[in-house]
Amino acid sequence: MPQPASRFVWYELMTSDAPAAEAFYRSVIGWHTADAGMAAGPYTLLSAGATVVAGLMALPPEACAAGARPGWIGYVAVDDVDGQVGALVQAGGKVERPAEDIPGVGRFAVVADPDGASFCLFKGFSAEQPQQPPAGTPGTIGWHELYAGDLGRAWAFYSGLFGWTRGDAIDMGAMGVYQLFAAGGPAIGGMMVRPPQVPQACWLVYVNVEAIDAAVGRVKSAAGQIVSGPMQVPGGNWIVQCLDPQGAMFALVAPKR
């Protein structure tokens, strides 16, 4: 029997100024924040109401010294982190941080696809799954977008590794094809060849908000930048792509302008 398709289950911001980033996202998204009480060092939990959505931590000094930049990363749930690391390497991916345990939480590895887009593999120690709010709830993650080096190569890699299935392929003219993908249900994201202004392959996370124009105002008031948008996408939603004050890219999606 085929295994269920793997899904994104966690998101993490690594940043150069954790207190400033925490204040920014509280203002823009409305996330509640709390310290996770991790023995390894400060780690802030970001919550939409009662639902814990993501984590935030400072980039380690050695990572900064090596040229690491602030950014968001997604965690994909798998049944066996070490086994999936092996399969990923065979498929042309790379290991950026070998598999290790987070005490009391789970096992993870930081990896990248053949074009260099980073993500994490994750297996929790608990079999219990927290109840998720309805799709579109403000403050939760609403979409996952891959800017790929080569769309065919990216699709073969992720579908083979995670069992994702194709959705609609949207013709965007000069920008190429936007390939929707699903993980055992409705589409959860899309893939496209990265545009020239995006320097390398990467994943972009979209956060649900109530209305896009009000959110744009909050981004600007909190010293963030608008990179692209607002624009309406197929299906009627509105999106905008942004940079936080530390330079991490993120995006917002809303059902109304």
Protein backbone atom coordinates (compact mmCIF):
# COMPACT_ATOMS: atom_id res chain seq x y z
CA MET A 1 0.00 0.00 0.00
CA PRO A 2 1.48 3.41 -0.94
CA GLN A 3 2.46 5.69 1.94
CA PRO A 4 0.51 8.93 2.50
CA ALA A 5 2.08 11.93 0.79
CA SER A 6 4.40 13.96 3.00
CA ARG A 7 3.20 17.38 4.15
CA PHE A 8 4.73 20.55 5.53
CA VAL A 9 4.20 20.51 9.29
CA TRP A 10 6.42 23.28 10.69
CA TYR A 11 8.07 26.53 9.67
CA GLU A 12 11.06 28.32 11.12
CA LEU A 13 12.63 31.74 10.78
CA MET A 14 16.34 32.06 11.42
CA THR A 15 17.22 35.72 11.72
CA SER A 16 20.00 38.15 12.58
CA ASP A 17 17.91 40.03 15.17
CA ALA A 18 15.41 37.78 16.95
CA PRO A 19 13.74 40.43 19.18
CA ALA A 20 13.23 42.81 16.23
CA ALA A 21 11.88 40.02 13.99
CA GLU A 22 9.52 38.89 16.75
CA ALA A 23 8.12 42.42 17.10
CA PHE A 24 7.74 42.74 13.31
CA TYR A 25 5.70 39.56 12.86
CA ARG A 26 3.56 40.27 15.91
CA SER A 27 2.66 43.59 14.30
CA VAL A 28 2.18 42.36 10.72
CA ILE A 29 0.62 38.91 11.21
CA GLY A 30 -0.78 39.23 14.71
CA TRP A 31 1.07 36.15 15.96
CA HIS A 32 1.26 35.55 19.70
CA THR A 33 4.76 34.72 20.94
CA ALA A 34 6.12 32.57 23.74
CA ASP A 35 9.50 31.18 24.70
CA ALA A 36 9.74 27.45 24.05
CA GLY A 37 12.02 26.82 27.03
CA MET A 38 14.58 24.96 24.94
CA ALA A 39 17.76 23.94 26.78
CA ALA A 40 19.85 24.61 23.67
CA GLY A 41 19.01 28.33 23.67
CA PRO A 42 16.24 30.87 23.07
CA TYR A 43 13.52 29.69 20.68
CA THR A 44 10.29 31.65 20.20
CA LEU A 45 7.01 29.95 19.30
CA LEU A 46 4.67 31.88 16.98
CA SER A 47 0.96 31.12 17.38
CA ALA A 48 -2.28 31.99 15.58
CA GLY A 49 -4.76 31.88 18.43
CA ALA A 50 -4.29 28.51 20.15
CA THR A 51 -2.45 27.00 17.15
CA VAL A 52 1.35 27.03 17.24
CA VAL A 53 2.42 27.74 13.66
CA ALA A 54 6.16 28.36 13.56
CA GLY A 55 9.36 29.01 15.44
CA LEU A 56 11.88 31.84 15.47
CA MET A 57 15.52 31.80 16.51
CA ALA A 58 18.71 33.79 16.07
CA LEU A 59 21.21 32.65 13.48
CA PRO A 60 24.19 31.09 15.28
CA PRO A 61 27.37 33.22 15.10
CA GLU A 62 29.18 30.53 13.13
CA ALA A 63 26.38 30.53 10.54
CA CYS A 64 26.61 34.31 10.19
CA ALA A 65 30.37 34.04 9.82
CA ALA A 66 29.86 31.52 7.02
CA GLY A 67 27.59 33.95 5.17
CA ALA A 68 24.15 32.66 6.22
CA ARG A 69 21.33 35.14 5.66
CA PRO A 70 17.99 35.46 7.47
CA GLY A 71 15.30 33.27 5.96
CA TRP A 72 12.29 31.02 6.43
CA ILE A 73 12.47 27.24 6.06
CA GLY A 74 9.75 24.58 5.98
CA TYR A 75 9.77 21.16 7.67
CA VAL A 76 8.29 18.20 5.77
CA ALA A 77 7.06 15.24 7.82
CA VAL A 78 8.51 11.84 6.92
CA ASP A 79 8.34 8.37 8.49
CA ASP A 80 12.12 7.92 8.67
CA VAL A 81 14.45 10.95 8.57
CA ASP A 82 17.64 8.95 8.08
CA GLY A 83 16.09 6.80 5.36
CA GLN A 84 14.77 9.86 3.54
CA VAL A 85 18.16 11.55 3.76
CA GLY A 86 19.62 8.57 1.91
CA ALA A 87 16.87 8.67 -0.71
CA LEU A 88 17.32 12.41 -1.13
CA VAL A 89 21.06 12.11 -1.74
CA GLN A 90 20.45 9.34 -4.31
CA ALA A 91 17.98 11.66 -6.05
CA GLY A 92 20.58 14.44 -6.33
CA GLY A 93 19.81 16.38 -3.16
CA LYS A 94 22.32 17.60 -0.60
CA VAL A 95 22.64 17.39 3.17
CA GLU A 96 23.23 20.77 4.80
CA ARG A 97 22.97 19.57 8.41
CA PRO A 98 23.05 15.85 9.24
CA ALA A 99 20.13 14.21 11.02
CA GLU A 100 19.97 14.81 14.77
CA ASP A 101 17.45 14.74 17.58
CA ILE A 102 15.68 17.69 19.16
CA PRO A 103 15.27 16.39 22.74
CA GLY A 104 11.63 15.66 23.51
CA VAL A 105 10.46 16.89 20.10
CA GLY A 106 11.69 14.82 17.16
CA ARG A 107 14.45 14.13 14.66
CA PHE A 108 15.32 16.43 11.77
CA ALA A 109 17.83 17.11 9.02
CA VAL A 110 18.44 20.24 6.95
CA VAL A 111 18.68 19.38 3.27
CA ALA A 112 18.45 20.94 -0.19
CA ASP A 113 17.06 19.88 -3.55
CA PRO A 114 19.33 19.49 -6.63
CA ASP A 115 19.04 23.22 -7.39
CA GLY A 116 19.89 24.30 -3.82
CA ALA A 117 16.45 25.13 -2.35
CA SER A 118 16.66 24.31 1.38
CA PHE A 119 14.06 22.56 3.53
CA CYS A 120 13.98 20.19 6.51
CA LEU A 121 12.97 16.57 6.97
CA PHE A 122 11.19 15.91 10.27
CA LYS A 123 9.83 13.03 12.33
CA GLY A 124 8.15 13.83 15.64
CA PHE A 125 8.56 11.58 18.66
CA SER A 126 4.84 11.82 19.47
CA ALA A 127 2.22 10.11 17.31
CA GLU A 128 -0.41 12.67 18.36
CA GLN A 129 -1.33 15.22 15.71
CA PRO A 130 -2.52 18.63 16.94
CA GLN A 131 -5.90 19.71 15.64
CA GLN A 132 -5.54 22.20 12.80
CA PRO A 133 -7.81 25.23 12.27
CA PRO A 134 -9.82 25.56 9.04
CA ALA A 135 -7.91 26.35 5.85
CA GLY A 136 -7.44 30.07 5.37
CA THR A 137 -7.42 30.93 9.08
CA PRO A 138 -5.42 34.16 9.52
CA GLY A 139 -1.95 33.51 10.85
CA THR A 140 -1.67 29.98 9.47
CA ILE A 141 0.36 29.00 6.43
CA GLY A 142 -1.72 29.11 3.26
CA TRP A 143 0.62 28.22 0.41
CA HIS A 144 4.11 26.89 -0.43
CA GLU A 145 5.92 28.11 -3.54
CA LEU A 146 9.10 26.74 -5.06
CA TYR A 147 11.29 28.88 -7.30
CA ALA A 148 13.11 26.09 -9.13
CA GLY A 149 16.19 26.01 -11.31
CA ASP A 150 14.60 23.46 -13.64
CA LEU A 151 10.90 22.66 -13.28
CA GLY A 152 11.06 19.13 -14.68
CA ARG A 153 13.98 18.20 -12.44
CA ALA A 154 12.30 19.74 -9.39
CA TRP A 155 9.04 17.91 -10.03
CA ALA A 156 10.75 14.55 -10.45
CA PHE A 157 12.71 15.11 -7.24
CA TYR A 158 9.84 16.14 -4.97
CA SER A 159 7.18 13.81 -6.37
CA GLY A 160 9.58 10.89 -6.07
CA LEU A 161 10.66 11.78 -2.55
CA PHE A 162 7.34 12.82 -1.04
CA GLY A 163 4.60 11.33 -3.22
CA TRP A 164 3.23 14.74 -4.19
CA THR A 165 0.80 14.72 -7.10
CA ARG A 166 0.31 17.17 -9.95
CA GLY A 167 -2.51 19.67 -9.98
CA ASP A 168 -3.28 22.20 -12.69
CA ALA A 169 -0.42 23.57 -14.80
CA ILE A 170 -1.07 27.30 -15.27
CA ASP A 171 0.43 29.02 -18.31
CA MET A 172 1.94 32.32 -17.17
CA GLY A 173 3.15 33.39 -20.60
CA ALA A 174 6.72 34.67 -20.57
CA MET A 175 7.12 33.52 -16.94
CA GLY A 176 6.53 29.90 -17.93
CA VAL A 177 4.37 27.23 -16.30
CA TYR A 178 3.14 27.35 -12.71
CA GLN A 179 2.69 23.74 -11.60
CA LEU A 180 0.32 23.17 -8.69
CA PHE A 181 0.96 20.20 -6.40
CA ALA A 182 -0.98 18.36 -3.72
CA ALA A 183 -0.19 16.07 -0.79
CA GLY A 184 -3.24 13.83 -0.53
CA GLY A 185 -5.88 16.56 -0.80
CA PRO A 186 -6.34 20.03 -2.32
CA ALA A 187 -3.33 21.81 -3.77
CA ILE A 188 -0.91 23.08 -1.11
CA GLY A 189 1.54 24.90 -3.36
CA GLY A 190 3.05 25.60 -6.74
CA MET A 191 6.37 25.35 -8.55
CA MET A 192 7.84 27.54 -11.24
CA VAL A 193 11.23 28.35 -12.75
CA ARG A 194 12.75 31.11 -10.67
CA PRO A 195 12.57 34.56 -12.28
CA PRO A 196 15.85 36.46 -12.94
CA GLN A 197 15.40 38.68 -9.88
CA VAL A 198 15.45 35.64 -7.56
CA PRO A 199 19.18 34.84 -7.20
CA GLN A 200 18.85 31.14 -6.33
CA ALA A 201 16.31 28.34 -6.04
CA CYS A 202 14.27 28.65 -2.84
CA TRP A 203 10.97 27.98 -1.12
CA LEU A 204 8.62 30.85 -0.28
CA VAL A 205 6.02 30.57 2.50
CA TYR A 206 2.66 32.38 2.27
CA VAL A 207 0.89 33.38 5.49
CA ASN A 208 -2.89 33.82 5.55
CA VAL A 209 -4.20 37.30 6.42
CA GLU A 210 -7.72 38.73 6.33
CA ALA A 211 -7.19 41.47 3.71
CA ILE A 212 -4.14 42.22 1.62
CA ASP A 213 -4.15 46.05 1.55
CA ALA A 214 -4.34 46.35 5.33
CA ALA A 215 -1.51 43.82 5.65
CA VAL A 216 0.62 45.76 3.16
CA GLY A 217 0.12 48.84 5.33
CA ARG A 218 1.30 46.94 8.39
CA VAL A 219 4.40 45.66 6.56
CA LYS A 220 5.38 49.18 5.54
CA SER A 221 4.63 50.67 8.97
CA ALA A 222 6.87 48.06 10.59
CA ALA A 223 9.80 48.87 8.23
CA GLY A 224 9.33 45.87 5.94
CA GLN A 225 9.50 46.07 2.15
CA ILE A 226 7.08 45.06 -0.61
CA VAL A 227 8.88 43.08 -3.31
CA SER A 228 5.94 42.25 -5.57
CA GLY A 229 2.20 42.87 -5.60
CA PRO A 230 -0.47 43.11 -4.49
CA MET A 231 -1.83 40.98 -7.32
CA GLN A 232 -4.83 38.73 -7.79
CA VAL A 233 -4.14 35.08 -8.66
CA PRO A 234 -6.31 32.36 -10.24
CA GLY A 235 -9.03 31.41 -7.79
CA GLY A 236 -9.52 35.00 -6.62
CA ASN A 237 -7.04 35.35 -3.77
CA TRP A 238 -4.72 38.32 -3.43
CA ILE A 239 -1.00 37.95 -2.73
CA VAL A 240 1.98 40.12 -1.91
CA GLN A 241 5.66 39.20 -1.51
CA CYS A 242 7.71 40.97 1.13
CA LEU A 243 11.01 41.31 2.96
CA ASP A 244 11.13 41.70 6.73
CA PRO A 245 13.54 44.31 8.19
CA GLN A 246 16.30 41.70 8.55
CA GLY A 247 15.98 40.67 4.88
CA ALA A 248 14.03 37.40 5.14
CA MET A 249 11.55 36.94 2.30
CA PHE A 250 7.95 35.89 3.02
CA ALA A 251 4.57 36.31 1.39
CA LEU A 252 0.97 36.99 2.37
CA VAL A 253 -2.27 35.67 0.90
CA ALA A 254 -5.81 36.90 1.52
CA PRO A 255 -9.30 36.28 0.11
CA LYS A 256 -9.94 40.00 -0.42
CA ARG A 257 -8.11 43.16 -1.36
